[in-house]
mmCIF file of all heavy atoms, coordinates in Angstrom:
data_MODEL
# 
_entry.id   MODEL 
# 
loop_
_atom_site.group_PDB 
_atom_site.id 
_atom_site.type_symbol 
_atom_site.label_atom_id 
_atom_site.label_alt_id 
_atom_site.label_comp_id 
_atom_site.label_asym_id 
_atom_site.label_entity_id 
_atom_site.label_seq_id 
_atom_site.pdbx_PDB_ins_code 
_atom_site.Cartn_x 
_atom_site.Cartn_y 
_atom_site.Cartn_z 
_atom_site.occupancy 
_atom_site.B_iso_or_equiv 
_atom_site.pdbx_formal_charge 
_atom_site.auth_seq_id 
_atom_site.auth_comp_id 
_atom_site.auth_asym_id 
_atom_site.auth_atom_id 
_atom_site.pdbx_PDB_model_num 
ATOM 1   N N   . ALA A 1 1  ? 23.984  -6.965  -3.493  1.00 0.00 ? 1  ALA A N   1 
ATOM 2   C CA  . ALA A 1 1  ? 23.245  -6.015  -2.663  1.00 0.00 ? 1  ALA A CA  1 
ATOM 3   C C   . ALA A 1 1  ? 22.267  -5.166  -3.480  1.00 0.00 ? 1  ALA A C   1 
ATOM 4   O O   . ALA A 1 1  ? 21.108  -4.972  -3.077  1.00 0.00 ? 1  ALA A O   1 
ATOM 5   C CB  . ALA A 1 1  ? 24.213  -5.121  -1.901  1.00 0.00 ? 1  ALA A CB  1 
ATOM 6   N N   . GLU A 1 2  ? 22.710  -4.652  -4.625  1.00 0.00 ? 2  GLU A N   1 
ATOM 7   C CA  . GLU A 1 2  ? 21.841  -3.798  -5.436  1.00 0.00 ? 2  GLU A CA  1 
ATOM 8   C C   . GLU A 1 2  ? 20.652  -4.587  -5.979  1.00 0.00 ? 2  GLU A C   1 
ATOM 9   O O   . GLU A 1 2  ? 19.519  -4.093  -5.998  1.00 0.00 ? 2  GLU A O   1 
ATOM 10  C CB  . GLU A 1 2  ? 22.626  -3.163  -6.575  1.00 0.00 ? 2  GLU A CB  1 
ATOM 11  C CG  . GLU A 1 2  ? 23.620  -2.105  -6.121  1.00 0.00 ? 2  GLU A CG  1 
ATOM 12  C CD  . GLU A 1 2  ? 24.325  -1.437  -7.301  1.00 0.00 ? 2  GLU A CD  1 
ATOM 13  O OE1 . GLU A 1 2  ? 24.009  -1.772  -8.462  1.00 0.00 ? 2  GLU A OE1 1 
ATOM 14  O OE2 . GLU A 1 2  ? 25.184  -0.570  -7.050  1.00 0.00 ? 2  GLU A OE2 1 
ATOM 15  N N   . GLU A 1 3  ? 20.904  -5.802  -6.413  1.00 0.00 ? 3  GLU A N   1 
ATOM 16  C CA  . GLU A 1 3  ? 19.823  -6.667  -6.905  1.00 0.00 ? 3  GLU A CA  1 
ATOM 17  C C   . GLU A 1 3  ? 18.827  -6.949  -5.791  1.00 0.00 ? 3  GLU A C   1 
ATOM 18  O O   . GLU A 1 3  ? 17.612  -6.857  -5.984  1.00 0.00 ? 3  GLU A O   1 
ATOM 19  C CB  . GLU A 1 3  ? 20.382  -8.004  -7.394  1.00 0.00 ? 3  GLU A CB  1 
ATOM 20  C CG  . GLU A 1 3  ? 21.186  -7.955  -8.663  1.00 0.00 ? 3  GLU A CG  1 
ATOM 21  C CD  . GLU A 1 3  ? 21.744  -9.327  -9.014  1.00 0.00 ? 3  GLU A CD  1 
ATOM 22  O OE1 . GLU A 1 3  ? 22.121  -10.078 -8.097  1.00 0.00 ? 3  GLU A OE1 1 
ATOM 23  O OE2 . GLU A 1 3  ? 21.784  -9.641  -10.210 1.00 0.00 ? 3  GLU A OE2 1 
ATOM 24  N N   . ALA A 1 4  ? 19.341  -7.300  -4.635  1.00 0.00 ? 4  ALA A N   1 
ATOM 25  C CA  . ALA A 1 4  ? 18.475  -7.674  -3.514  1.00 0.00 ? 4  ALA A CA  1 
ATOM 26  C C   . ALA A 1 4  ? 17.597  -6.505  -3.081  1.00 0.00 ? 4  ALA A C   1 
ATOM 27  O O   . ALA A 1 4  ? 16.404  -6.681  -2.790  1.00 0.00 ? 4  ALA A O   1 
ATOM 28  C CB  . ALA A 1 4  ? 19.328  -8.153  -2.334  1.00 0.00 ? 4  ALA A CB  1 
ATOM 29  N N   . LEU A 1 5  ? 18.164  -5.305  -3.063  1.00 0.00 ? 5  LEU A N   1 
ATOM 30  C CA  . LEU A 1 5  ? 17.391  -4.134  -2.651  1.00 0.00 ? 5  LEU A CA  1 
ATOM 31  C C   . LEU A 1 5  ? 16.276  -3.842  -3.654  1.00 0.00 ? 5  LEU A C   1 
ATOM 32  O O   . LEU A 1 5  ? 15.126  -3.568  -3.274  1.00 0.00 ? 5  LEU A O   1 
ATOM 33  C CB  . LEU A 1 5  ? 18.302  -2.919  -2.498  1.00 0.00 ? 5  LEU A CB  1 
ATOM 34  C CG  . LEU A 1 5  ? 17.617  -1.619  -2.057  1.00 0.00 ? 5  LEU A CG  1 
ATOM 35  C CD1 . LEU A 1 5  ? 16.866  -1.822  -0.742  1.00 0.00 ? 5  LEU A CD1 1 
ATOM 36  C CD2 . LEU A 1 5  ? 18.630  -0.492  -1.936  1.00 0.00 ? 5  LEU A CD2 1 
ATOM 37  N N   . LYS A 1 6  ? 16.611  -3.893  -4.931  1.00 0.00 ? 6  LYS A N   1 
ATOM 38  C CA  . LYS A 1 6  ? 15.595  -3.644  -5.959  1.00 0.00 ? 6  LYS A CA  1 
ATOM 39  C C   . LYS A 1 6  ? 14.472  -4.674  -5.880  1.00 0.00 ? 6  LYS A C   1 
ATOM 40  O O   . LYS A 1 6  ? 13.281  -4.340  -5.964  1.00 0.00 ? 6  LYS A O   1 
ATOM 41  C CB  . LYS A 1 6  ? 16.237  -3.668  -7.347  1.00 0.00 ? 6  LYS A CB  1 
ATOM 42  C CG  . LYS A 1 6  ? 15.276  -3.330  -8.482  1.00 0.00 ? 6  LYS A CG  1 
ATOM 43  C CD  . LYS A 1 6  ? 16.016  -3.257  -9.811  1.00 0.00 ? 6  LYS A CD  1 
ATOM 44  C CE  . LYS A 1 6  ? 15.070  -2.858  -10.938 1.00 0.00 ? 6  LYS A CE  1 
ATOM 45  N NZ  . LYS A 1 6  ? 15.782  -2.738  -12.246 1.00 0.00 ? 6  LYS A NZ  1 
ATOM 46  N N   . MET A 1 7  ? 14.844  -5.934  -5.703  1.00 0.00 ? 7  MET A N   1 
ATOM 47  C CA  . MET A 1 7  ? 13.845  -7.001  -5.636  1.00 0.00 ? 7  MET A CA  1 
ATOM 48  C C   . MET A 1 7  ? 12.968  -6.864  -4.389  1.00 0.00 ? 7  MET A C   1 
ATOM 49  O O   . MET A 1 7  ? 11.745  -7.035  -4.446  1.00 0.00 ? 7  MET A O   1 
ATOM 50  C CB  . MET A 1 7  ? 14.555  -8.357  -5.661  1.00 0.00 ? 7  MET A CB  1 
ATOM 51  C CG  . MET A 1 7  ? 15.252  -8.643  -6.983  1.00 0.00 ? 7  MET A CG  1 
ATOM 52  S SD  . MET A 1 7  ? 16.475  -9.977  -6.874  1.00 0.00 ? 7  MET A SD  1 
ATOM 53  C CE  . MET A 1 7  ? 15.400  -11.402 -6.743  1.00 0.00 ? 7  MET A CE  1 
ATOM 54  N N   . ALA A 1 8  ? 13.589  -6.526  -3.261  1.00 0.00 ? 8  ALA A N   1 
ATOM 55  C CA  . ALA A 1 8  ? 12.824  -6.372  -2.022  1.00 0.00 ? 8  ALA A CA  1 
ATOM 56  C C   . ALA A 1 8  ? 11.871  -5.181  -2.103  1.00 0.00 ? 8  ALA A C   1 
ATOM 57  O O   . ALA A 1 8  ? 10.708  -5.265  -1.690  1.00 0.00 ? 8  ALA A O   1 
ATOM 58  C CB  . ALA A 1 8  ? 13.776  -6.212  -0.836  1.00 0.00 ? 8  ALA A CB  1 
ATOM 59  N N   . ALA A 1 9  ? 12.368  -4.059  -2.648  1.00 0.00 ? 9  ALA A N   1 
ATOM 60  C CA  . ALA A 1 9  ? 11.539  -2.853  -2.738  1.00 0.00 ? 9  ALA A CA  1 
ATOM 61  C C   . ALA A 1 9  ? 10.349  -3.060  -3.666  1.00 0.00 ? 9  ALA A C   1 
ATOM 62  O O   . ALA A 1 9  ? 9.215   -2.672  -3.356  1.00 0.00 ? 9  ALA A O   1 
ATOM 63  C CB  . ALA A 1 9  ? 12.379  -1.670  -3.199  1.00 0.00 ? 9  ALA A CB  1 
ATOM 64  N N   . GLN A 1 10 ? 10.592  -3.682  -4.824  1.00 0.00 ? 10 GLN A N   1 
ATOM 65  C CA  . GLN A 1 10 ? 9.490   -3.918  -5.760  1.00 0.00 ? 10 GLN A CA  1 
ATOM 66  C C   . GLN A 1 10 ? 8.488   -4.925  -5.189  1.00 0.00 ? 10 GLN A C   1 
ATOM 67  O O   . GLN A 1 10 ? 7.277   -4.784  -5.376  1.00 0.00 ? 10 GLN A O   1 
ATOM 68  C CB  . GLN A 1 10 ? 10.019  -4.420  -7.103  1.00 0.00 ? 10 GLN A CB  1 
ATOM 69  C CG  . GLN A 1 10 ? 8.935   -4.740  -8.130  1.00 0.00 ? 10 GLN A CG  1 
ATOM 70  C CD  . GLN A 1 10 ? 8.048   -3.552  -8.452  1.00 0.00 ? 10 GLN A CD  1 
ATOM 71  O OE1 . GLN A 1 10 ? 8.506   -2.418  -8.510  1.00 0.00 ? 10 GLN A OE1 1 
ATOM 72  N NE2 . GLN A 1 10 ? 6.757   -3.796  -8.657  1.00 0.00 ? 10 GLN A NE2 1 
ATOM 73  N N   . THR A 1 11 ? 8.981   -5.913  -4.467  1.00 0.00 ? 11 THR A N   1 
ATOM 74  C CA  . THR A 1 11 ? 8.085   -6.879  -3.839  1.00 0.00 ? 11 THR A CA  1 
ATOM 75  C C   . THR A 1 11 ? 7.212   -6.195  -2.793  1.00 0.00 ? 11 THR A C   1 
ATOM 76  O O   . THR A 1 11 ? 6.004   -6.451  -2.705  1.00 0.00 ? 11 THR A O   1 
ATOM 77  C CB  . THR A 1 11 ? 8.891   -8.023  -3.194  1.00 0.00 ? 11 THR A CB  1 
ATOM 78  O OG1 . THR A 1 11 ? 9.668   -8.669  -4.214  1.00 0.00 ? 11 THR A OG1 1 
ATOM 79  C CG2 . THR A 1 11 ? 7.981   -9.047  -2.546  1.00 0.00 ? 11 THR A CG2 1 
ATOM 80  N N   . ALA A 1 12 ? 7.793   -5.289  -2.010  1.00 0.00 ? 12 ALA A N   1 
ATOM 81  C CA  . ALA A 1 12 ? 7.028   -4.542  -1.009  1.00 0.00 ? 12 ALA A CA  1 
ATOM 82  C C   . ALA A 1 12 ? 5.986   -3.656  -1.684  1.00 0.00 ? 12 ALA A C   1 
ATOM 83  O O   . ALA A 1 12 ? 4.841   -3.559  -1.228  1.00 0.00 ? 12 ALA A O   1 
ATOM 84  C CB  . ALA A 1 12 ? 7.966   -3.709  -0.151  1.00 0.00 ? 12 ALA A CB  1 
ATOM 85  N N   . LYS A 1 13 ? 6.383   -3.010  -2.781  1.00 0.00 ? 13 LYS A N   1 
ATOM 86  C CA  . LYS A 1 13 ? 5.442   -2.163  -3.525  1.00 0.00 ? 13 LYS A CA  1 
ATOM 87  C C   . LYS A 1 13 ? 4.282   -2.999  -4.059  1.00 0.00 ? 13 LYS A C   1 
ATOM 88  O O   . LYS A 1 13 ? 3.118   -2.598  -3.993  1.00 0.00 ? 13 LYS A O   1 
ATOM 89  C CB  . LYS A 1 13 ? 6.164   -1.458  -4.672  1.00 0.00 ? 13 LYS A CB  1 
ATOM 90  C CG  . LYS A 1 13 ? 5.289   -0.504  -5.482  1.00 0.00 ? 13 LYS A CG  1 
ATOM 91  C CD  . LYS A 1 13 ? 6.117   0.209   -6.539  1.00 0.00 ? 13 LYS A CD  1 
ATOM 92  C CE  . LYS A 1 13 ? 5.269   1.231   -7.304  1.00 0.00 ? 13 LYS A CE  1 
ATOM 93  N NZ  . LYS A 1 13 ? 4.186   0.596   -8.094  1.00 0.00 ? 13 LYS A NZ  1 
ATOM 94  N N   . GLY A 1 14 ? 4.599   -4.177  -4.590  1.00 0.00 ? 14 GLY A N   1 
ATOM 95  C CA  . GLY A 1 14 ? 3.552   -5.053  -5.093  1.00 0.00 ? 14 GLY A CA  1 
ATOM 96  C C   . GLY A 1 14 ? 2.605   -5.496  -4.001  1.00 0.00 ? 14 GLY A C   1 
ATOM 97  O O   . GLY A 1 14 ? 1.380   -5.557  -4.196  1.00 0.00 ? 14 GLY A O   1 
ATOM 98  N N   . ALA A 1 15 ? 3.154   -5.805  -2.830  1.00 0.00 ? 15 ALA A N   1 
ATOM 99  C CA  . ALA A 1 15 ? 2.318   -6.220  -1.704  1.00 0.00 ? 15 ALA A CA  1 
ATOM 100 C C   . ALA A 1 15 ? 1.362   -5.106  -1.290  1.00 0.00 ? 15 ALA A C   1 
ATOM 101 O O   . ALA A 1 15 ? 0.166   -5.343  -1.055  1.00 0.00 ? 15 ALA A O   1 
ATOM 102 C CB  . ALA A 1 15 ? 3.202   -6.622  -0.526  1.00 0.00 ? 15 ALA A CB  1 
ATOM 103 N N   . ALA A 1 16 ? 1.877   -3.875  -1.218  1.00 0.00 ? 16 ALA A N   1 
ATOM 104 C CA  . ALA A 1 16 ? 1.032   -2.739  -0.853  1.00 0.00 ? 16 ALA A CA  1 
ATOM 105 C C   . ALA A 1 16 ? -0.055  -2.504  -1.897  1.00 0.00 ? 16 ALA A C   1 
ATOM 106 O O   . ALA A 1 16 ? -1.222  -2.243  -1.560  1.00 0.00 ? 16 ALA A O   1 
ATOM 107 C CB  . ALA A 1 16 ? 1.885   -1.491  -0.682  1.00 0.00 ? 16 ALA A CB  1 
ATOM 108 N N   . ASP A 1 17 ? 0.295   -2.594  -3.163  1.00 0.00 ? 17 ASP A N   1 
ATOM 109 C CA  . ASP A 1 17 ? -0.678  -2.369  -4.231  1.00 0.00 ? 17 ASP A CA  1 
ATOM 110 C C   . ASP A 1 17 ? -1.767  -3.443  -4.250  1.00 0.00 ? 17 ASP A C   1 
ATOM 111 O O   . ASP A 1 17 ? -2.918  -3.168  -4.607  1.00 0.00 ? 17 ASP A O   1 
ATOM 112 C CB  . ASP A 1 17 ? 0.014   -2.294  -5.583  1.00 0.00 ? 17 ASP A CB  1 
ATOM 113 C CG  . ASP A 1 17 ? 0.738   -0.969  -5.803  1.00 0.00 ? 17 ASP A CG  1 
ATOM 114 O OD1 . ASP A 1 17 ? 0.450   -0.020  -5.049  1.00 0.00 ? 17 ASP A OD1 1 
ATOM 115 O OD2 . ASP A 1 17 ? 1.574   -0.888  -6.725  1.00 0.00 ? 17 ASP A OD2 1 
ATOM 116 N N   . LEU A 1 18 ? -1.426  -4.672  -3.877  1.00 0.00 ? 18 LEU A N   1 
ATOM 117 C CA  . LEU A 1 18 ? -2.452  -5.707  -3.764  1.00 0.00 ? 18 LEU A CA  1 
ATOM 118 C C   . LEU A 1 18 ? -3.547  -5.285  -2.786  1.00 0.00 ? 18 LEU A C   1 
ATOM 119 O O   . LEU A 1 18 ? -4.745  -5.464  -3.043  1.00 0.00 ? 18 LEU A O   1 
ATOM 120 C CB  . LEU A 1 18 ? -1.836  -7.028  -3.299  1.00 0.00 ? 18 LEU A CB  1 
ATOM 121 C CG  . LEU A 1 18 ? -1.116  -7.888  -4.336  1.00 0.00 ? 18 LEU A CG  1 
ATOM 122 C CD1 . LEU A 1 18 ? -0.442  -9.074  -3.650  1.00 0.00 ? 18 LEU A CD1 1 
ATOM 123 C CD2 . LEU A 1 18 ? -2.096  -8.387  -5.397  1.00 0.00 ? 18 LEU A CD2 1 
ATOM 124 N N   . LEU A 1 19 ? -3.135  -4.732  -1.657  1.00 0.00 ? 19 LEU A N   1 
ATOM 125 C CA  . LEU A 1 19 ? -4.103  -4.326  -0.644  1.00 0.00 ? 19 LEU A CA  1 
ATOM 126 C C   . LEU A 1 19 ? -4.895  -3.099  -1.084  1.00 0.00 ? 19 LEU A C   1 
ATOM 127 O O   . LEU A 1 19 ? -6.116  -3.029  -0.899  1.00 0.00 ? 19 LEU A O   1 
ATOM 128 C CB  . LEU A 1 19 ? -3.391  -4.029  0.675   1.00 0.00 ? 19 LEU A CB  1 
ATOM 129 C CG  . LEU A 1 19 ? -2.530  -5.156  1.256   1.00 0.00 ? 19 LEU A CG  1 
ATOM 130 C CD1 . LEU A 1 19 ? -1.973  -4.742  2.613   1.00 0.00 ? 19 LEU A CD1 1 
ATOM 131 C CD2 . LEU A 1 19 ? -3.329  -6.449  1.384   1.00 0.00 ? 19 LEU A CD2 1 
ATOM 132 N N   . LEU A 1 20 ? -4.200  -2.119  -1.676  1.00 0.00 ? 20 LEU A N   1 
ATOM 133 C CA  . LEU A 1 20 ? -4.857  -0.867  -2.050  1.00 0.00 ? 20 LEU A CA  1 
ATOM 134 C C   . LEU A 1 20 ? -5.753  -1.022  -3.266  1.00 0.00 ? 20 LEU A C   1 
ATOM 135 O O   . LEU A 1 20 ? -6.864  -0.501  -3.310  1.00 0.00 ? 20 LEU A O   1 
ATOM 136 C CB  . LEU A 1 20 ? -3.803  0.213   -2.304  1.00 0.00 ? 20 LEU A CB  1 
ATOM 137 C CG  . LEU A 1 20 ? -3.011  0.664   -1.076  1.00 0.00 ? 20 LEU A CG  1 
ATOM 138 C CD1 . LEU A 1 20 ? -1.866  1.574   -1.477  1.00 0.00 ? 20 LEU A CD1 1 
ATOM 139 C CD2 . LEU A 1 20 ? -3.919  1.372   -0.073  1.00 0.00 ? 20 LEU A CD2 1 
ATOM 140 N N   . GLN A 1 21 ? -5.266  -1.734  -4.275  1.00 0.00 ? 21 GLN A N   1 
ATOM 141 C CA  . GLN A 1 21 ? -6.022  -1.835  -5.520  1.00 0.00 ? 21 GLN A CA  1 
ATOM 142 C C   . GLN A 1 21 ? -7.139  -2.874  -5.452  1.00 0.00 ? 21 GLN A C   1 
ATOM 143 O O   . GLN A 1 21 ? -8.179  -2.726  -6.101  1.00 0.00 ? 21 GLN A O   1 
ATOM 144 C CB  . GLN A 1 21 ? -5.079  -2.145  -6.682  1.00 0.00 ? 21 GLN A CB  1 
ATOM 145 C CG  . GLN A 1 21 ? -4.101  -1.018  -6.971  1.00 0.00 ? 21 GLN A CG  1 
ATOM 146 C CD  . GLN A 1 21 ? -3.195  -1.318  -8.155  1.00 0.00 ? 21 GLN A CD  1 
ATOM 147 O OE1 . GLN A 1 21 ? -3.533  -2.107  -9.032  1.00 0.00 ? 21 GLN A OE1 1 
ATOM 148 N NE2 . GLN A 1 21 ? -2.026  -0.675  -8.182  1.00 0.00 ? 21 GLN A NE2 1 
ATOM 149 N N   . LEU A 1 22 ? -6.940  -3.925  -4.671  1.00 0.00 ? 22 LEU A N   1 
ATOM 150 C CA  . LEU A 1 22 ? -7.957  -4.966  -4.556  1.00 0.00 ? 22 LEU A CA  1 
ATOM 151 C C   . LEU A 1 22 ? -8.827  -4.807  -3.316  1.00 0.00 ? 22 LEU A C   1 
ATOM 152 O O   . LEU A 1 22 ? -9.757  -5.579  -3.121  1.00 0.00 ? 22 LEU A O   1 
ATOM 153 C CB  . LEU A 1 22 ? -7.291  -6.352  -4.533  1.00 0.00 ? 22 LEU A CB  1 
ATOM 154 C CG  . LEU A 1 22 ? -6.435  -6.734  -5.740  1.00 0.00 ? 22 LEU A CG  1 
ATOM 155 C CD1 . LEU A 1 22 ? -5.872  -8.133  -5.573  1.00 0.00 ? 22 LEU A CD1 1 
ATOM 156 C CD2 . LEU A 1 22 ? -7.244  -6.634  -7.036  1.00 0.00 ? 22 LEU A CD2 1 
ATOM 157 N N   . ALA A 1 23 ? -8.508  -3.802  -2.480  1.00 0.00 ? 23 ALA A N   1 
ATOM 158 C CA  . ALA A 1 23 ? -9.203  -3.614  -1.201  1.00 0.00 ? 23 ALA A CA  1 
ATOM 159 C C   . ALA A 1 23 ? -9.211  -4.929  -0.423  1.00 0.00 ? 23 ALA A C   1 
ATOM 160 O O   . ALA A 1 23 ? -10.211 -5.324  0.182   1.00 0.00 ? 23 ALA A O   1 
ATOM 161 C CB  . ALA A 1 23 ? -10.630 -3.104  -1.420  1.00 0.00 ? 23 ALA A CB  1 
ATOM 162 N N   . SER A 1 24 ? -8.075  -5.592  -0.438  1.00 0.00 ? 24 SER A N   1 
ATOM 163 C CA  . SER A 1 24 ? -7.943  -6.905  0.173   1.00 0.00 ? 24 SER A CA  1 
ATOM 164 C C   . SER A 1 24 ? -7.377  -6.781  1.588   1.00 0.00 ? 24 SER A C   1 
ATOM 165 O O   . SER A 1 24 ? -6.949  -5.710  2.012   1.00 0.00 ? 24 SER A O   1 
ATOM 166 C CB  . SER A 1 24 ? -7.022  -7.778  -0.694  1.00 0.00 ? 24 SER A CB  1 
ATOM 167 O OG  . SER A 1 24 ? -6.975  -9.100  -0.230  1.00 0.00 ? 24 SER A OG  1 
ATOM 168 N N   . HIS A 1 25 ? -7.389  -7.901  2.308   1.00 0.00 ? 25 HIS A N   1 
ATOM 169 C CA  . HIS A 1 25 ? -6.829  -7.955  3.659   1.00 0.00 ? 25 HIS A CA  1 
ATOM 170 C C   . HIS A 1 25 ? -5.483  -8.681  3.597   1.00 0.00 ? 25 HIS A C   1 
ATOM 171 O O   . HIS A 1 25 ? -5.336  -9.643  2.831   1.00 0.00 ? 25 HIS A O   1 
ATOM 172 C CB  . HIS A 1 25 ? -7.781  -8.698  4.599   1.00 0.00 ? 25 HIS A CB  1 
ATOM 173 C CG  . HIS A 1 25 ? -7.390  -8.601  6.038   1.00 0.00 ? 25 HIS A CG  1 
ATOM 174 N ND1 . HIS A 1 25 ? -6.427  -9.420  6.607   1.00 0.00 ? 25 HIS A ND1 1 
ATOM 175 C CD2 . HIS A 1 25 ? -7.830  -7.781  7.030   1.00 0.00 ? 25 HIS A CD2 1 
ATOM 176 C CE1 . HIS A 1 25 ? -6.292  -9.111  7.879   1.00 0.00 ? 25 HIS A CE1 1 
ATOM 177 N NE2 . HIS A 1 25 ? -7.124  -8.120  8.167   1.00 0.00 ? 25 HIS A NE2 1 
ATOM 178 N N   . PRO A 1 26 ? -4.496  -8.249  4.398   1.00 0.00 ? 26 PRO A N   1 
ATOM 179 C CA  . PRO A 1 26 ? -3.182  -8.898  4.336   1.00 0.00 ? 26 PRO A CA  1 
ATOM 180 C C   . PRO A 1 26 ? -3.241  -10.414 4.492   1.00 0.00 ? 26 PRO A C   1 
ATOM 181 O O   . PRO A 1 26 ? -2.577  -11.149 3.745   1.00 0.00 ? 26 PRO A O   1 
ATOM 182 C CB  . PRO A 1 26 ? -2.417  -8.250  5.494   1.00 0.00 ? 26 PRO A CB  1 
ATOM 183 C CG  . PRO A 1 26 ? -3.036  -6.912  5.657   1.00 0.00 ? 26 PRO A CG  1 
ATOM 184 C CD  . PRO A 1 26 ? -4.481  -7.082  5.321   1.00 0.00 ? 26 PRO A CD  1 
ATOM 185 N N   . GLU A 1 27 ? -4.034  -10.908 5.445   1.00 0.00 ? 27 GLU A N   1 
ATOM 186 C CA  . GLU A 1 27 ? -4.066  -12.352 5.669   1.00 0.00 ? 27 GLU A CA  1 
ATOM 187 C C   . GLU A 1 27 ? -4.659  -13.112 4.479   1.00 0.00 ? 27 GLU A C   1 
ATOM 188 O O   . GLU A 1 27 ? -4.258  -14.246 4.193   1.00 0.00 ? 27 GLU A O   1 
ATOM 189 C CB  . GLU A 1 27 ? -4.844  -12.679 6.949   1.00 0.00 ? 27 GLU A CB  1 
ATOM 190 C CG  . GLU A 1 27 ? -4.138  -12.239 8.219   1.00 0.00 ? 27 GLU A CG  1 
ATOM 191 C CD  . GLU A 1 27 ? -2.738  -12.820 8.364   1.00 0.00 ? 27 GLU A CD  1 
ATOM 192 O OE1 . GLU A 1 27 ? -2.521  -13.998 7.985   1.00 0.00 ? 27 GLU A OE1 1 
ATOM 193 O OE2 . GLU A 1 27 ? -1.850  -12.087 8.842   1.00 0.00 ? 27 GLU A OE2 1 
ATOM 194 N N   . HIS A 1 28 ? -5.589  -12.466 3.786   1.00 0.00 ? 28 HIS A N   1 
ATOM 195 C CA  . HIS A 1 28 ? -6.160  -13.100 2.589   1.00 0.00 ? 28 HIS A CA  1 
ATOM 196 C C   . HIS A 1 28 ? -5.088  -13.294 1.528   1.00 0.00 ? 28 HIS A C   1 
ATOM 197 O O   . HIS A 1 28 ? -4.998  -14.359 0.890   1.00 0.00 ? 28 HIS A O   1 
ATOM 198 C CB  . HIS A 1 28 ? -7.303  -12.242 2.043   1.00 0.00 ? 28 HIS A CB  1 
ATOM 199 C CG  . HIS A 1 28 ? -7.919  -12.770 0.777   1.00 0.00 ? 28 HIS A CG  1 
ATOM 200 N ND1 . HIS A 1 28 ? -8.651  -13.938 0.732   1.00 0.00 ? 28 HIS A ND1 1 
ATOM 201 C CD2 . HIS A 1 28 ? -7.886  -12.290 -0.498  1.00 0.00 ? 28 HIS A CD2 1 
ATOM 202 C CE1 . HIS A 1 28 ? -9.055  -14.149 -0.510  1.00 0.00 ? 28 HIS A CE1 1 
ATOM 203 N NE2 . HIS A 1 28 ? -8.607  -13.175 -1.268  1.00 0.00 ? 28 HIS A NE2 1 
ATOM 204 N N   . GLU A 1 29 ? -4.248  -12.260 1.342   1.00 0.00 ? 29 GLU A N   1 
ATOM 205 C CA  . GLU A 1 29 ? -3.181  -12.354 0.345   1.00 0.00 ? 29 GLU A CA  1 
ATOM 206 C C   . GLU A 1 29 ? -2.069  -13.300 0.815   1.00 0.00 ? 29 GLU A C   1 
ATOM 207 O O   . GLU A 1 29 ? -1.451  -13.996 0.002   1.00 0.00 ? 29 GLU A O   1 
ATOM 208 C CB  . GLU A 1 29 ? -2.617  -10.963 0.040   1.00 0.00 ? 29 GLU A CB  1 
ATOM 209 C CG  . GLU A 1 29 ? -3.630  -9.994  -0.567  1.00 0.00 ? 29 GLU A CG  1 
ATOM 210 C CD  . GLU A 1 29 ? -4.255  -10.510 -1.854  1.00 0.00 ? 29 GLU A CD  1 
ATOM 211 O OE1 . GLU A 1 29 ? -3.544  -11.195 -2.632  1.00 0.00 ? 29 GLU A OE1 1 
ATOM 212 O OE2 . GLU A 1 29 ? -5.449  -10.237 -2.099  1.00 0.00 ? 29 GLU A OE2 1 
ATOM 213 N N   . ILE A 1 30 ? -1.821  -13.313 2.121   1.00 0.00 ? 30 ILE A N   1 
ATOM 214 C CA  . ILE A 1 30 ? -0.828  -14.241 2.670   1.00 0.00 ? 30 ILE A CA  1 
ATOM 215 C C   . ILE A 1 30 ? -1.264  -15.684 2.435   1.00 0.00 ? 30 ILE A C   1 
ATOM 216 O O   . ILE A 1 30 ? -0.453  -16.543 2.047   1.00 0.00 ? 30 ILE A O   1 
ATOM 217 C CB  . ILE A 1 30 ? -0.604  -13.975 4.179   1.00 0.00 ? 30 ILE A CB  1 
ATOM 218 C CG1 . ILE A 1 30 ? 0.185   -12.676 4.366   1.00 0.00 ? 30 ILE A CG1 1 
ATOM 219 C CG2 . ILE A 1 30 ? 0.138   -15.141 4.837   1.00 0.00 ? 30 ILE A CG2 1 
ATOM 220 C CD1 . ILE A 1 30 ? 0.265   -12.217 5.808   1.00 0.00 ? 30 ILE A CD1 1 
ATOM 221 N N   . ASP A 1 31 ? -2.547  -15.947 2.627   1.00 0.00 ? 31 ASP A N   1 
ATOM 222 C CA  . ASP A 1 31 ? -3.056  -17.311 2.434   1.00 0.00 ? 31 ASP A CA  1 
ATOM 223 C C   . ASP A 1 31 ? -2.797  -17.824 1.015   1.00 0.00 ? 31 ASP A C   1 
ATOM 224 O O   . ASP A 1 31 ? -2.635  -19.033 0.799   1.00 0.00 ? 31 ASP A O   1 
ATOM 225 C CB  . ASP A 1 31 ? -4.560  -17.375 2.729   1.00 0.00 ? 31 ASP A CB  1 
ATOM 226 C CG  . ASP A 1 31 ? -4.870  -17.303 4.220   1.00 0.00 ? 31 ASP A CG  1 
ATOM 227 O OD1 . ASP A 1 31 ? -3.921  -17.479 5.024   1.00 0.00 ? 31 ASP A OD1 1 
ATOM 228 O OD2 . ASP A 1 31 ? -6.032  -17.057 4.572   1.00 0.00 ? 31 ASP A OD2 1 
ATOM 229 N N   . LYS A 1 32 ? -2.760  -16.904 0.054   1.00 0.00 ? 32 LYS A N   1 
ATOM 230 C CA  . LYS A 1 32 ? -2.559  -17.305 -1.346  1.00 0.00 ? 32 LYS A CA  1 
ATOM 231 C C   . LYS A 1 32 ? -1.150  -17.841 -1.603  1.00 0.00 ? 32 LYS A C   1 
ATOM 232 O O   . LYS A 1 32 ? -0.924  -18.531 -2.590  1.00 0.00 ? 32 LYS A O   1 
ATOM 233 C CB  . LYS A 1 32 ? -2.825  -16.116 -2.280  1.00 0.00 ? 32 LYS A CB  1 
ATOM 234 C CG  . LYS A 1 32 ? -4.271  -15.660 -2.323  1.00 0.00 ? 32 LYS A CG  1 
ATOM 235 C CD  . LYS A 1 32 ? -4.412  -14.466 -3.264  1.00 0.00 ? 32 LYS A CD  1 
ATOM 236 C CE  . LYS A 1 32 ? -5.845  -13.954 -3.318  1.00 0.00 ? 32 LYS A CE  1 
ATOM 237 N NZ  . LYS A 1 32 ? -5.969  -12.787 -4.225  1.00 0.00 ? 32 LYS A NZ  1 
# 
């Protein structure tokens, strides 16, 4: 459980930073 939560939270943070730092669109990043 602790591993899964840390991995999920960091993955979510990375996803948000992709959009904010690259000024990208979610579907563009999903396509990758």
